[in-house]
Protein backbone atom coordinates (compact mmCIF):
# COMPACT_ATOMS: atom_id res chain seq x y z
CA MET A 1 109.95 31.37 133.60
CA LYS A 2 113.04 33.37 132.84
CA ASN A 3 116.06 31.82 131.17
CA SER A 4 118.32 32.41 134.22
CA GLU A 5 115.76 30.78 136.55
CA ALA A 6 115.46 27.79 134.23
CA ARG A 7 119.26 27.56 134.18
CA LYS A 8 119.38 27.66 138.00
CA LEU A 9 116.76 24.91 138.26
CA LEU A 10 118.61 22.75 135.73
CA PHE A 11 121.88 23.28 137.58
CA LYS A 12 120.29 22.52 140.96
CA ARG A 13 118.80 19.28 139.59
CA LEU A 14 122.10 18.25 137.96
CA TYR A 15 123.99 19.05 141.15
CA GLY A 16 121.60 17.08 143.34
CA GLU A 17 121.55 14.05 141.07
CA ASN A 18 125.25 13.94 140.22
CA PHE A 19 127.20 15.27 143.20
CA PRO A 20 127.04 12.05 145.30
CA PRO A 21 127.96 9.63 142.46
CA LEU A 22 130.74 11.96 141.28
CA VAL A 23 132.21 12.09 144.80
CA ARG A 24 132.02 8.30 145.10
CA PHE A 25 133.76 8.01 141.73
CA ALA A 26 136.53 10.44 142.73
CA CYS A 27 136.95 8.71 146.13
CA ARG A 28 138.19 5.64 144.26
CA PHE A 29 141.30 7.62 143.33
CA THR A 30 141.79 10.12 146.14
CA THR A 31 140.70 11.08 149.67
CA ALA A 32 137.10 11.99 150.47
CA ASP A 33 137.99 15.64 151.10
CA ALA A 34 139.94 15.93 147.87
CA ALA A 35 137.12 14.18 146.00
CA LYS A 36 134.55 16.69 147.30
CA ASP A 37 136.83 19.59 146.35
CA ILE A 38 137.34 18.21 142.86
CA VAL A 39 133.62 17.70 142.26
CA GLN A 40 132.82 21.14 143.66
CA ASP A 41 135.41 22.71 141.33
CA VAL A 42 133.94 20.85 138.36
CA PHE A 43 130.46 22.15 139.15
CA VAL A 44 131.79 25.71 139.50
CA GLU A 45 133.46 25.39 136.11
CA PHE A 46 130.26 23.92 134.67
CA TRP A 47 128.24 26.86 136.03
CA GLU A 48 130.71 29.35 134.58
CA LYS A 49 130.25 27.81 131.12
CA ALA A 50 126.66 29.02 131.10
CA HIS A 51 126.67 29.68 127.38
CA VAL A 52 127.14 25.97 126.60
CA ARG A 53 123.94 23.95 126.14
CA TYR A 54 123.90 20.31 127.19
CA ASP A 55 121.28 17.63 127.37
CA ASP A 56 121.17 15.41 130.50
CA ALA A 57 123.31 12.61 129.03
CA SER A 58 126.01 14.94 127.75
CA CYS A 59 125.99 16.88 131.07
CA ARG A 60 126.61 13.68 133.00
CA ALA A 61 129.35 12.60 130.58
CA TYR A 62 130.97 16.04 130.78
CA LEU A 63 130.89 16.00 134.61
CA PHE A 64 132.36 12.49 134.91
CA THR A 65 135.05 13.24 132.33
CA SER A 66 135.96 16.47 134.10
CA VAL A 67 136.18 14.72 137.49
CA ARG A 68 138.26 11.94 135.93
CA ASN A 69 140.69 14.45 134.39
CA ARG A 70 141.05 16.36 137.65
CA CYS A 71 141.75 13.11 139.51
CA ILE A 72 144.45 12.30 136.97
CA ASN A 73 145.98 15.78 137.46
CA LEU A 74 145.92 15.38 141.24
CA LEU A 75 147.55 11.94 141.08
CA GLU A 76 150.27 13.24 138.74
CA GLN A 77 150.97 16.12 141.15
CA GLU A 78 151.22 13.61 144.01
CA LEU A 79 153.71 11.54 141.99
CA VAL A 80 155.92 14.59 141.46
CA ARG A 81 155.68 15.58 145.14
CA ASP A 82 156.43 12.04 146.33
CA ALA A 83 159.41 11.75 143.98
CA HIS A 84 160.77 15.02 145.36
CA ILE A 85 160.37 13.79 148.94
CA ARG A 86 162.09 10.47 148.08
CA ASN A 87 164.98 12.40 146.51
CA ILE A 88 165.41 14.52 149.64
CA GLN A 89 165.28 11.41 151.86
CA THR A 90 167.91 9.71 149.69
CA ASP A 91 170.09 12.83 149.77
CA ASN A 92 169.80 12.87 153.57
CA ARG A 93 170.85 9.23 153.81
CA LEU A 94 173.77 9.83 151.44
CA LEU A 95 174.88 12.81 153.53
CA GLU A 96 174.71 10.64 156.63
CA LEU A 97 176.80 7.95 154.92
CA ASP A 98 179.31 10.57 153.79
CA TYR A 99 179.55 11.87 157.31
CA CYS A 100 180.21 8.42 158.75
CA ASP A 101 182.10 6.76 155.91
CA SER A 102 184.00 4.32 158.13
CA PRO A 103 183.39 2.54 161.45
CA GLU A 104 186.40 4.27 162.97
CA LYS A 105 185.04 7.66 162.04
CA SER A 106 181.75 6.94 163.81
CA MET A 107 183.72 6.52 167.08
CA LEU A 108 184.32 10.24 167.51
CA ASP A 109 186.39 11.47 170.42
CA ASP A 110 184.96 13.82 173.05
CA GLU A 111 186.40 16.94 171.46
CA HIS A 112 184.85 16.16 168.12
CA ILE A 113 181.49 15.49 169.79
CA ARG A 114 181.65 18.87 171.54
CA LEU A 115 182.43 20.51 168.19
CA VAL A 116 179.44 18.79 166.60
CA TYR A 117 177.12 19.98 169.39
CA ARG A 118 178.47 23.53 169.10
CA GLN A 119 177.75 23.50 165.36
CA ILE A 120 174.25 22.16 165.98
CA GLU A 121 173.64 25.07 168.36
CA LEU A 122 174.57 27.48 165.57
CA LEU A 123 171.83 26.18 163.26
CA PRO A 124 168.76 28.41 162.84
CA ASP A 125 166.13 27.78 165.55
CA LYS A 126 163.58 25.76 163.55
CA CYS A 127 166.30 23.84 161.73
CA ARG A 128 168.03 23.01 165.03
CA GLN A 129 164.73 21.94 166.61
CA ILE A 130 163.92 19.63 163.69
CA PHE A 131 167.47 18.22 163.68
CA ARG A 132 167.31 17.44 167.42
CA LEU A 133 163.93 15.73 167.09
CA ALA A 134 165.24 13.61 164.22
CA TYR A 135 168.69 12.69 165.50
CA CYS A 136 168.56 13.10 169.26
CA GLU A 137 165.03 11.81 169.82
CA ASP A 138 165.08 9.49 166.79
CA ARG A 139 161.73 10.71 165.47
CA LYS A 140 160.49 10.14 161.93
CA SER A 141 159.80 13.04 159.58
CA HIS A 142 156.02 12.60 159.73
CA GLU A 143 156.14 12.65 163.56
CA ILE A 144 158.19 15.85 163.53
CA ALA A 145 155.77 17.38 161.03
CA ASP A 146 152.85 16.56 163.34
CA ILE A 147 154.61 17.91 166.44
CA LEU A 148 155.67 21.20 164.82
CA GLN A 149 152.60 21.50 162.57
CA LEU A 150 154.72 21.60 159.41
CA SER A 151 154.57 19.67 156.18
CA VAL A 152 156.70 16.54 155.84
CA ARG A 153 158.34 18.21 152.86
CA THR A 154 159.42 21.17 155.06
CA VAL A 155 160.83 18.82 157.71
CA GLU A 156 162.79 16.82 155.10
CA HIS A 157 164.14 20.01 153.54
CA GLN A 158 165.21 21.40 156.93
CA LEU A 159 166.98 18.13 157.76
CA TYR A 160 168.72 18.25 154.40
CA LEU A 161 169.86 21.83 155.05
CA ALA A 162 171.02 20.97 158.59
CA LEU A 163 173.07 17.99 157.42
CA LYS A 164 174.51 19.96 154.53
CA THR A 165 175.48 22.84 156.84
CA LEU A 166 176.98 20.55 159.48
CA ARG A 167 178.88 18.58 156.87
CA LYS A 168 180.35 21.73 155.40
CA LYS A 169 181.35 23.17 158.78
CA LEU A 170 182.72 19.92 160.16
CA THR A 171 184.47 18.47 157.12
CA GLY A 172 185.04 21.50 154.93
CA LYS A 173 183.32 19.70 152.02
């Protein structure tokens, strides 16, 4: 048997024996789809390191350690993304509070309301659509993202830009 055929057989056996337990392990820390992707990527990397010789025990240890490290990387990326989203949400709330900094100010007269609606109409199409869904239809960011098939991050960013633009045009700040 040729060396490459022996390598393929070893890989096929390792894949068959270890893929399911590796996916179950990764599922403890992430979604099933992400877990499968992680394990698949680890096996691709393992295959590409063809020059490295492992015995069965060290192969299994290598695979589990690699999956563990990739899960850690994914969770750290999620933390950064979630922190960014929380910052945008906080900025949006602060902009809203700035805009309505007193009860009297929230009781806008008809002329001011017409001015606000005119400024909303001047927003870019997607931004205006997202703004209307959020503030006229009182929809949450995740609902808007589902409706428009966008990421929540994009929706939050567009709301931030809309509020920032409206604040600047309406207050001069």
